[in-house]
Amino acid sequence: MSIYSSLISFIENKIAPVAGRIGGQRHVLAVRDGFISAMPFMIIGSFLLILAYPPFAKDTTFTFGRAWLDFAAANKDTIMMPFRMTMGIMTIYIAVGIGYNLSQSYKINPLMGGLLSLASFLLVAAPLANGGIPAAYLGGTGIFTALITSIYSVELMRFLKAKNLTIRLPEQVPEKIAQSFELLVPVLVMIATLYPASLLLHHMTGMILPELIMNMFKPFVAASDSLTAILICVAISHLLWFCGIHGAAIVTNLLQPFWLANLAANQTALELGEKLPHAFVDPFWRFYIVIGGCGSTLALVIMYLRSRSAHLRSIGKLSIIPSIFNINEPVIFGSPLIMNPVMLIPFVGVPMVNATVAWFALTSGFVEKAISVVPWTTPAPLGASWAAGWTFAPALLVLLNFAISFILWSPFYKSYEKQLLSEEKLQETEEQKETATA
C-alpha cells in the first residue's frame, strides 16, 4: 500500500469517525451556536474600540489623524460605554446563547434554559462587591466559566425534568406562568449546589471560581498561542476537509474559547497602553492562514480563470466571487480538491506556510496584532486591517501570503491541469469517433 493510501486509510478509519462524533456532539454544537449568537455584539463592540483608539501616532501632524485622536481623547468614556456593554460583557450573551441552544437540542424550554445559564454564570462570576457587580470576568476571561456553568445548569434542568422533580400547575393556568413555575426547582437546586461550591473554593484558594478556572486553563491558553499548536490545528482541519469532513467547523469551534480569551487580553493591553500579548485569535486564522477559504484557495481560483482546461475555467468563474468573501465550497467540491491526491500537499501545506509566515511577522512586531472581531466573510486584506485597528501592515501581510500561496499552488495546479487536458482531449476524440460512426 502506498504512503498516500495509508494516510487516507488512517484518516478515514481512525480520525474521521472521532472528528465526526465531536463535530456533531450536542454540547459542542451548543457552544458553537452560543458564540454565533453573541457575534453581532462582539463585532459592533470591537468597532467602537477602534474608534476609541485611532491608528495614528500620538504626535501625528496629519490633520485627519490629529482630529480623530483629539476627539477620542475628549470622549473616550462616552465611546467606550457601548463597548463595555457589548464586547466588555460578551460572556453574558454567550452564556445565554449556550443555554438556549443546548436546551433546544434537548427539546426543553430554550428561554428558561438560557435564563438559568445566565443566572448560574452571574452567581459565581460576578459576586456583589462594594454595592455593584464587578465586570472583571464578564468578558473574555470568563469564557471557560460560562461554558461550564451553562452546560451544568441545562443538564441539571434536564435531569430534574426527566425525574419529574418539578412544579406542575393545572392545565387551566396560563402557559407562561406554568413555565416559570417549572423553573423554580432547577433555580433552587442550581443555587444550592453552585453557590456553596463557589464559596468553598473561594475559602480554600482565595480565588473566585472564574479566577480559579482561568489559572487552571492558563497553560492551555498559552499553548494555544504557539506556532506548534497553530500548525497542528491547521493540519488537522485540512486533513479532515480533504477527506470530506468540514474540519474547519470542528477545529475552530474548539478554538473559539481560546481565541476570545486571547482577544480579551489584547483589548485589555490596548486600554492599558501595553504591548499586545497574543497573535493567535480568530482574524489570524480567517485572513492570514485561509485566504479565500480552507486551503488558501483564492490563488488557485485565479489560476483557474485562465486555465486551458474547460472544467477548471468554469470552476474558476463559478468560484471567484465566493472566494473573495472566503467561501470556497465551489472550488473544493467542483475541482474537486477532496480526495484528490495531486492537491493533497498544497491543500494542507500552503495554509501551514501562511501560518508560519504570519506568526513570525506578528510576533516580531512587524505587523500589528488583532484587537477586534471581524465578520469572517470580509475580504482578507480589508478584514486583517480592520481587525488590527485599520493599520496598513496587516493588509500587506495578506498580500504577501497570497503571493506565497500562488507560487506554492502553481506547480500542482499545472500538473492537475495537464491531467485534465489529457482526459478532455481523450473524451473529445471519443466523441468525434462516435459522431463519425453515427
Protein backbone atom coordinates (compact mmCIF):
# COMPACT_ATOMS: atom_id res chain seq x y z
CA MET A 1 0.00 0.00 0.00
CA SER A 2 1.34 3.46 -0.92
CA ILE A 3 2.05 6.20 1.64
CA TYR A 4 -0.87 8.22 0.26
CA SER A 5 -3.28 5.28 0.55
CA SER A 6 -2.07 4.54 4.07
CA LEU A 7 -2.56 8.16 5.12
CA ILE A 8 -6.07 8.33 3.69
CA SER A 9 -6.98 5.00 5.26
CA PHE A 10 -5.71 6.17 8.66
CA ILE A 11 -7.69 9.41 8.45
CA GLU A 12 -10.86 7.69 7.27
CA ASN A 13 -10.76 4.83 9.77
CA LYS A 14 -9.20 6.46 12.85
CA ILE A 15 -9.50 10.24 12.78
CA ALA A 16 -12.67 10.88 10.76
CA PRO A 17 -15.05 8.87 12.98
CA VAL A 18 -13.81 10.64 16.12
CA ALA A 19 -13.92 14.05 14.44
CA GLY A 20 -17.41 13.36 13.14
CA ARG A 21 -18.66 12.48 16.62
CA ILE A 22 -17.05 15.59 18.11
CA GLY A 23 -18.43 17.84 15.39
CA GLY A 24 -21.96 16.54 15.87
CA GLN A 25 -21.87 16.36 19.67
CA ARG A 26 -24.74 18.43 21.11
CA HIS A 27 -22.60 20.31 23.66
CA VAL A 28 -20.03 21.30 21.02
CA LEU A 29 -22.83 22.49 18.74
CA ALA A 30 -24.45 24.44 21.57
CA VAL A 31 -21.16 26.17 22.36
CA ARG A 32 -20.66 26.99 18.68
CA ASP A 33 -24.17 28.41 18.33
CA GLY A 34 -23.77 30.32 21.58
CA PHE A 35 -20.70 32.09 20.20
CA ILE A 36 -22.52 32.78 16.93
CA SER A 37 -25.47 34.35 18.75
CA ALA A 38 -23.10 36.74 20.54
CA MET A 39 -21.20 37.68 17.37
CA PRO A 40 -23.19 40.83 16.47
CA PHE A 41 -22.48 42.34 19.90
CA MET A 42 -18.77 41.49 19.64
CA ILE A 43 -18.38 42.90 16.13
CA ILE A 44 -20.08 46.21 16.94
CA GLY A 45 -18.24 46.48 20.25
CA SER A 46 -14.91 45.85 18.56
CA PHE A 47 -15.63 48.58 16.01
CA LEU A 48 -16.17 51.07 18.84
CA LEU A 49 -12.87 50.03 20.43
CA ILE A 50 -11.09 51.01 17.23
CA LEU A 51 -12.94 54.34 17.28
CA ALA A 52 -11.63 54.98 20.80
CA TYR A 53 -8.03 54.08 19.90
CA PRO A 54 -7.22 55.63 16.49
CA PRO A 55 -4.45 54.00 14.39
CA PHE A 56 -2.21 57.08 14.49
CA ALA A 57 0.87 58.02 16.48
CA LYS A 58 0.07 60.31 19.40
CA ASP A 59 2.34 63.01 17.98
CA THR A 60 0.97 62.83 14.42
CA THR A 61 0.56 66.10 12.49
CA PHE A 62 -1.78 64.56 9.89
CA THR A 63 -4.95 66.68 10.06
CA PHE A 64 -7.45 63.83 10.00
CA GLY A 65 -5.43 61.73 12.43
CA ARG A 66 -4.93 64.64 14.80
CA ALA A 67 -8.66 65.43 14.79
CA TRP A 68 -9.55 61.78 15.42
CA LEU A 69 -7.05 61.50 18.30
CA ASP A 70 -8.34 64.69 19.93
CA PHE A 71 -11.96 63.58 19.54
CA ALA A 72 -11.20 60.15 21.02
CA ALA A 73 -9.28 61.61 23.96
CA ALA A 74 -12.09 64.06 24.79
CA ASN A 75 -14.88 61.48 24.51
CA LYS A 76 -13.20 58.20 25.49
CA ASP A 77 -15.61 57.30 28.30
CA THR A 78 -18.62 58.01 26.10
CA ILE A 79 -17.23 55.96 23.20
CA MET A 80 -16.18 53.08 25.43
CA MET A 81 -19.53 52.71 27.20
CA PRO A 82 -21.19 50.79 24.29
CA PHE A 83 -18.01 48.70 24.04
CA ARG A 84 -18.23 47.75 27.70
CA MET A 85 -21.90 46.85 27.29
CA THR A 86 -21.23 44.61 24.27
CA MET A 87 -17.72 43.20 23.90
CA GLY A 88 -16.90 44.01 27.53
CA ILE A 89 -19.63 41.68 28.83
CA MET A 90 -19.74 39.29 25.87
CA THR A 91 -19.73 36.23 28.13
CA ILE A 92 -23.21 37.14 29.36
CA TYR A 93 -24.54 36.88 25.81
CA ILE A 94 -22.57 33.68 25.22
CA ALA A 95 -23.91 32.07 28.41
CA VAL A 96 -27.50 32.79 27.36
CA GLY A 97 -26.80 31.53 23.84
CA ILE A 98 -25.25 28.26 25.02
CA GLY A 99 -28.08 27.62 27.48
CA TYR A 100 -30.71 28.40 24.88
CA ASN A 101 -29.24 26.17 22.17
CA LEU A 102 -28.42 23.26 24.45
CA SER A 103 -31.95 23.34 25.89
CA GLN A 104 -33.36 23.45 22.38
CA SER A 105 -31.37 20.36 21.43
CA TYR A 106 -32.93 18.53 24.40
CA LYS A 107 -36.39 19.83 23.40
CA ILE A 108 -36.90 21.61 26.70
CA ASN A 109 -37.87 25.26 27.08
CA PRO A 110 -34.92 27.13 25.49
CA LEU A 111 -35.71 30.53 27.02
CA MET A 112 -35.77 29.07 30.52
CA GLY A 113 -32.53 27.22 29.79
CA GLY A 114 -30.89 30.45 28.64
CA LEU A 115 -32.05 32.36 31.72
CA LEU A 116 -30.91 29.58 34.06
CA SER A 117 -27.50 29.57 32.38
CA LEU A 118 -27.20 33.32 32.80
CA ALA A 119 -28.15 33.13 36.47
CA SER A 120 -25.67 30.34 37.19
CA PHE A 121 -22.85 32.21 35.46
CA LEU A 122 -23.51 35.51 37.26
CA LEU A 123 -23.84 33.71 40.59
CA VAL A 124 -20.23 32.51 40.51
CA ALA A 125 -18.56 35.05 38.20
CA ALA A 126 -19.87 38.38 39.45
CA PRO A 127 -20.40 38.32 43.25
CA LEU A 128 -21.64 41.64 44.58
CA ALA A 129 -18.81 43.88 45.79
CA ASN A 130 -18.95 47.46 47.09
CA GLY A 131 -22.57 47.77 46.09
CA GLY A 132 -22.01 46.80 42.46
CA ILE A 133 -21.46 43.80 40.20
CA PRO A 134 -17.79 43.51 39.14
CA ALA A 135 -17.27 43.08 35.40
CA ALA A 136 -13.76 41.60 35.53
CA TYR A 137 -14.95 38.14 34.45
CA LEU A 138 -17.87 39.11 32.26
CA GLY A 139 -15.61 39.50 29.22
CA GLY A 140 -13.22 37.04 27.61
CA THR A 141 -11.67 35.95 30.90
CA GLY A 142 -14.98 34.40 31.95
CA ILE A 143 -15.44 32.28 28.81
CA PHE A 144 -14.47 28.94 30.34
CA THR A 145 -16.62 29.56 33.41
CA ALA A 146 -19.61 30.32 31.18
CA LEU A 147 -19.11 27.07 29.27
CA ILE A 148 -19.06 25.02 32.46
CA THR A 149 -21.91 26.74 34.29
CA SER A 150 -24.18 26.91 31.22
CA ILE A 151 -23.80 23.23 30.44
CA TYR A 152 -24.17 22.29 34.11
CA SER A 153 -27.37 24.32 34.58
CA VAL A 154 -29.08 22.94 31.48
CA GLU A 155 -28.07 19.37 32.31
CA LEU A 156 -29.43 19.93 35.81
CA MET A 157 -32.73 21.22 34.42
CA ARG A 158 -32.95 18.23 32.05
CA PHE A 159 -32.20 15.77 34.87
CA LEU A 160 -34.84 17.24 37.18
CA LYS A 161 -37.41 17.27 34.38
CA ALA A 162 -36.64 13.65 33.50
CA LYS A 163 -37.09 12.66 37.17
CA ASN A 164 -40.31 14.70 37.31
CA LEU A 165 -38.84 16.84 40.10
CA THR A 166 -40.65 19.99 39.14
CA ILE A 167 -43.71 22.02 39.98
CA ARG A 168 -46.61 21.33 37.65
CA LEU A 169 -49.62 23.60 37.71
CA PRO A 170 -53.12 22.69 36.45
CA GLU A 171 -53.74 22.93 32.72
CA GLN A 172 -56.03 25.90 33.30
CA VAL A 173 -53.04 28.04 34.37
CA PRO A 174 -51.65 30.20 31.51
CA GLU A 175 -48.72 28.54 29.74
CA LYS A 176 -46.13 31.23 30.53
CA ILE A 177 -46.94 31.17 34.22
CA ALA A 178 -46.71 27.37 34.26
CA GLN A 179 -43.32 27.52 32.54
CA SER A 180 -41.96 29.97 35.07
CA PHE A 181 -43.06 27.75 37.96
CA GLU A 182 -41.39 24.75 36.31
CA LEU A 183 -38.09 26.61 36.64
CA LEU A 184 -38.42 27.12 40.40
CA VAL A 185 -36.89 23.78 41.37
CA PRO A 186 -33.96 23.99 38.89
CA VAL A 187 -33.15 27.50 40.14
CA LEU A 188 -33.27 26.35 43.75
CA VAL A 189 -31.09 23.29 43.11
CA MET A 190 -28.65 25.31 40.97
CA ILE A 191 -28.15 27.86 43.74
CA ALA A 192 -27.97 25.15 46.42
CA THR A 193 -25.17 23.37 44.55
CA LEU A 194 -23.18 26.02 42.68
CA TYR A 195 -23.13 28.75 45.30
CA PRO A 196 -21.82 26.67 48.25
CA ALA A 197 -19.22 25.11 45.94
CA SER A 198 -18.13 28.57 44.83
CA LEU A 199 -17.90 29.81 48.44
CA LEU A 200 -15.92 26.73 49.48
CA LEU A 201 -13.42 27.15 46.64
CA HIS A 202 -13.04 30.83 47.46
CA HIS A 203 -12.39 29.98 51.11
CA MET A 204 -9.83 27.31 50.20
CA THR A 205 -7.96 29.14 47.44
CA GLY A 206 -8.71 32.83 47.96
CA MET A 207 -9.98 32.98 44.36
CA ILE A 208 -13.49 33.13 42.97
CA LEU A 209 -14.44 30.37 40.54
CA PRO A 210 -13.66 32.13 37.20
CA GLU A 211 -10.28 33.25 38.54
CA LEU A 212 -9.50 29.69 39.59
CA ILE A 213 -10.64 28.28 36.25
CA MET A 214 -8.54 30.80 34.32
CA ASN A 215 -5.49 29.83 36.37
CA MET A 216 -6.15 26.19 35.53
CA PHE A 217 -6.52 26.99 31.82
CA LYS A 218 -3.54 29.35 31.62
CA PRO A 219 -1.15 26.66 30.34
CA PHE A 220 -3.65 25.66 27.64
CA VAL A 221 -4.28 29.28 26.63
CA ALA A 222 -0.53 29.89 26.43
CA ALA A 223 -0.01 26.69 24.45
CA SER A 224 -2.79 27.62 22.04
CA ASP A 225 -0.84 30.75 21.11
CA SER A 226 2.25 28.85 19.99
CA LEU A 227 3.31 28.14 16.41
CA THR A 228 3.35 24.40 17.10
CA ALA A 229 -0.28 24.44 18.26
CA ILE A 230 -1.31 26.55 15.28
CA LEU A 231 0.31 24.20 12.78
CA ILE A 232 -1.26 21.15 14.41
CA CYS A 233 -4.71 22.76 14.28
CA VAL A 234 -4.23 23.78 10.63
CA ALA A 235 -3.05 20.30 9.65
CA ILE A 236 -5.93 18.52 11.40
CA SER A 237 -8.52 20.89 9.94
CA HIS A 238 -7.29 20.47 6.37
CA LEU A 239 -6.72 16.73 6.54
CA LEU A 240 -10.30 16.31 7.68
CA TRP A 241 -11.51 18.61 4.90
CA PHE A 242 -9.51 16.57 2.40
CA CYS A 243 -11.49 13.52 3.46
CA GLY A 244 -14.80 15.34 3.04
CA ILE A 245 -15.37 16.30 6.68
CA HIS A 246 -15.79 20.01 7.49
CA GLY A 247 -12.60 20.14 9.54
CA ALA A 248 -12.64 23.92 9.94
CA ALA A 249 -16.02 23.81 11.68
CA ILE A 250 -14.75 21.20 14.13
CA VAL A 251 -11.37 22.79 14.87
CA THR A 252 -12.50 26.42 15.04
CA ASN A 253 -15.39 25.51 17.34
CA LEU A 254 -12.88 24.06 19.79
CA LEU A 255 -10.56 27.05 19.39
CA GLN A 256 -13.18 29.78 19.92
CA PRO A 257 -12.88 29.94 23.75
CA PHE A 258 -9.09 30.31 23.47
CA TRP A 259 -9.39 32.91 20.71
CA LEU A 260 -11.81 35.01 22.75
CA ALA A 261 -9.62 34.78 25.87
CA ASN A 262 -6.61 35.88 23.80
CA LEU A 263 -8.58 38.70 22.18
CA ALA A 264 -9.79 39.95 25.56
CA ALA A 265 -6.19 40.05 26.79
CA ASN A 266 -5.20 42.07 23.71
CA GLN A 267 -8.02 44.54 24.29
CA THR A 268 -7.08 44.94 27.95
CA ALA A 269 -3.45 45.56 26.98
CA LEU A 270 -4.58 48.15 24.43
CA GLU A 271 -6.54 50.06 27.08
CA LEU A 272 -3.54 49.98 29.41
CA GLY A 273 -1.16 51.10 26.70
CA GLU A 274 0.81 47.84 26.91
CA LYS A 275 2.19 45.54 24.22
CA LEU A 276 -0.46 43.22 22.80
CA PRO A 277 0.35 39.68 24.03
CA HIS A 278 -1.44 37.30 21.62
CA ALA A 279 -1.16 36.63 17.90
CA PHE A 280 -3.49 33.63 17.53
CA VAL A 281 -7.02 34.96 17.51
CA ASP A 282 -9.90 34.46 15.08
CA PRO A 283 -8.71 37.02 12.46
CA PHE A 284 -5.29 35.33 12.33
CA TRP A 285 -6.95 32.15 11.08
CA ARG A 286 -9.50 33.81 8.79
CA PHE A 287 -7.32 36.34 6.99
CA TYR A 288 -3.69 35.13 7.13
CA ILE A 289 -3.98 31.34 7.01
CA VAL A 290 -7.01 30.54 4.82
CA ILE A 291 -7.11 33.34 2.26
CA GLY A 292 -10.21 32.63 0.19
CA GLY A 293 -11.23 29.70 2.38
CA CYS A 294 -9.66 26.47 3.63
CA GLY A 295 -6.55 25.58 1.67
CA SER A 296 -5.95 29.27 0.94
CA THR A 297 -7.54 28.63 -2.44
CA LEU A 298 -8.13 32.17 -3.72
CA ALA A 299 -4.80 31.97 -5.58
CA LEU A 300 -5.87 28.64 -7.11
CA VAL A 301 -9.21 30.07 -8.24
CA ILE A 302 -7.43 32.94 -10.00
CA MET A 303 -5.26 30.40 -11.84
CA TYR A 304 -8.39 28.52 -12.84
CA LEU A 305 -9.78 31.63 -14.57
CA ARG A 306 -7.05 31.40 -17.24
CA SER A 307 -6.83 27.63 -17.40
CA ARG A 308 -6.74 25.81 -20.74
CA SER A 309 -8.98 23.19 -19.16
CA ALA A 310 -12.64 23.96 -19.78
CA HIS A 311 -13.55 22.27 -16.49
CA LEU A 312 -11.15 24.32 -14.36
CA ARG A 313 -12.01 27.53 -16.18
CA SER A 314 -15.72 27.03 -15.46
CA ILE A 315 -14.97 26.27 -11.80
CA GLY A 316 -12.87 29.43 -11.62
CA LYS A 317 -15.71 31.59 -12.96
CA LEU A 318 -18.14 29.97 -10.55
CA SER A 319 -15.83 30.29 -7.55
CA ILE A 320 -14.16 33.69 -7.85
CA ILE A 321 -16.83 35.83 -6.19
CA PRO A 322 -17.47 33.46 -3.24
CA SER A 323 -13.71 33.02 -2.77
CA ILE A 324 -13.16 36.76 -2.41
CA PHE A 325 -15.52 36.53 0.56
CA ASN A 326 -13.77 33.42 1.97
CA ILE A 327 -16.38 30.90 0.80
CA ASN A 328 -14.71 28.15 -1.20
CA GLU A 329 -17.04 25.15 -1.25
CA PRO A 330 -17.49 25.61 -5.04
CA VAL A 331 -13.77 25.12 -5.71
CA ILE A 332 -13.34 22.40 -3.08
CA PHE A 333 -16.15 20.24 -4.44
CA GLY A 334 -16.01 21.42 -8.05
CA SER A 335 -12.32 20.82 -8.75
CA PRO A 336 -12.53 18.54 -6.76
CA LEU A 337 -9.88 19.05 -4.09
CA ILE A 338 -11.40 16.46 -1.78
CA MET A 339 -9.67 13.09 -2.11
CA ASN A 340 -7.56 14.45 -4.96
CA PRO A 341 -4.01 13.10 -4.46
CA VAL A 342 -2.49 15.73 -6.76
CA MET A 343 -3.80 18.50 -4.49
CA LEU A 344 -3.19 16.99 -1.04
CA ILE A 345 0.23 18.55 -0.42
CA PRO A 346 -0.68 22.17 -1.29
CA PHE A 347 -4.14 21.94 0.28
CA VAL A 348 -2.60 21.10 3.65
CA GLY A 349 0.85 22.66 3.19
CA VAL A 350 0.02 26.14 1.85
CA PRO A 351 -2.04 27.17 4.92
CA MET A 352 0.75 25.88 7.18
CA VAL A 353 3.31 28.01 5.34
CA ASN A 354 0.96 31.00 5.59
CA ALA A 355 0.57 30.41 9.31
CA THR A 356 4.33 30.28 9.82
CA VAL A 357 4.97 33.49 7.87
CA ALA A 358 2.17 35.33 9.67
CA TRP A 359 3.27 34.05 13.07
CA PHE A 360 6.80 35.42 12.72
CA ALA A 361 5.52 38.68 11.21
CA LEU A 362 3.23 39.30 14.19
CA THR A 363 5.44 38.05 17.00
CA SER A 364 8.43 40.02 15.71
CA GLY A 365 6.40 43.22 15.77
CA PHE A 366 6.48 43.91 12.02
CA VAL A 367 2.70 43.55 11.84
CA GLU A 368 0.13 44.65 14.42
CA LYS A 369 -1.90 42.03 16.28
CA ALA A 370 -5.69 41.89 16.22
CA ILE A 371 -7.82 43.80 18.71
CA SER A 372 -11.30 43.22 17.29
CA VAL A 373 -13.70 40.66 15.89
CA VAL A 374 -14.47 40.99 12.19
CA PRO A 375 -17.10 39.17 10.07
CA TRP A 376 -15.36 36.16 8.54
CA THR A 377 -16.75 36.94 5.10
CA THR A 378 -14.81 40.21 4.92
CA PRO A 379 -12.23 40.10 2.06
CA ALA A 380 -8.88 39.16 3.63
CA PRO A 381 -6.80 42.38 3.20
CA LEU A 382 -9.70 44.50 4.46
CA GLY A 383 -10.52 42.10 7.30
CA ALA A 384 -6.92 41.88 8.53
CA SER A 385 -6.55 45.65 8.54
CA TRP A 386 -9.91 46.14 10.28
CA ALA A 387 -9.06 43.55 12.98
CA ALA A 388 -5.79 45.31 13.81
CA GLY A 389 -7.35 48.77 14.10
CA TRP A 390 -7.20 49.80 10.44
CA THR A 391 -3.43 49.66 10.22
CA PHE A 392 -1.76 49.06 6.85
CA ALA A 393 0.79 46.34 7.60
CA PRO A 394 -1.77 43.51 8.07
CA ALA A 395 -3.11 44.08 4.55
CA LEU A 396 0.44 43.88 3.18
CA LEU A 397 0.97 40.61 5.05
CA VAL A 398 -2.20 39.19 3.47
CA LEU A 399 -0.91 40.15 0.03
CA LEU A 400 2.47 38.54 0.82
CA ASN A 401 0.78 35.31 1.91
CA PHE A 402 -1.42 35.43 -1.16
CA ALA A 403 1.69 35.69 -3.37
CA ILE A 404 3.29 32.77 -1.50
CA SER A 405 0.09 30.74 -1.93
CA PHE A 406 0.10 31.49 -5.65
CA ILE A 407 3.70 30.31 -6.03
CA LEU A 408 3.18 27.14 -3.96
CA TRP A 409 -0.09 26.18 -5.65
CA SER A 410 1.25 26.78 -9.17
CA PRO A 411 3.18 23.53 -9.90
CA PHE A 412 0.39 21.35 -8.52
CA TYR A 413 -2.20 23.30 -10.48
CA LYS A 414 -0.19 22.82 -13.68
CA SER A 415 0.12 19.11 -13.02
CA TYR A 416 -3.62 18.77 -12.41
CA GLU A 417 -4.43 20.93 -15.44
CA LYS A 418 -2.24 18.71 -17.62
CA GLN A 419 -4.05 15.63 -16.34
CA LEU A 420 -7.47 17.15 -17.08
CA LEU A 421 -6.40 18.35 -20.53
CA SER A 422 -5.41 14.80 -21.42
CA GLU A 423 -8.77 13.50 -20.18
CA GLU A 424 -10.68 16.22 -22.06
CA LYS A 425 -8.73 15.53 -25.25
CA LEU A 426 -9.40 11.80 -24.96
CA GLN A 427 -13.09 12.48 -24.37
CA GLU A 428 -13.22 14.81 -27.37
CA THR A 429 -11.56 12.16 -29.58
CA GLU A 430 -14.07 9.52 -28.46
CA GLU A 431 -16.97 11.87 -29.15
CA GLN A 432 -15.61 12.58 -32.65
CA LYS A 433 -15.35 8.84 -33.30
CA GLU A 434 -18.93 8.29 -32.15
CA THR A 435 -20.12 11.15 -34.35
CA ALA A 436 -18.23 9.76 -37.39
CA THR A 437 -19.65 6.28 -36.78
CA ALA A 438 -23.18 7.65 -36.49
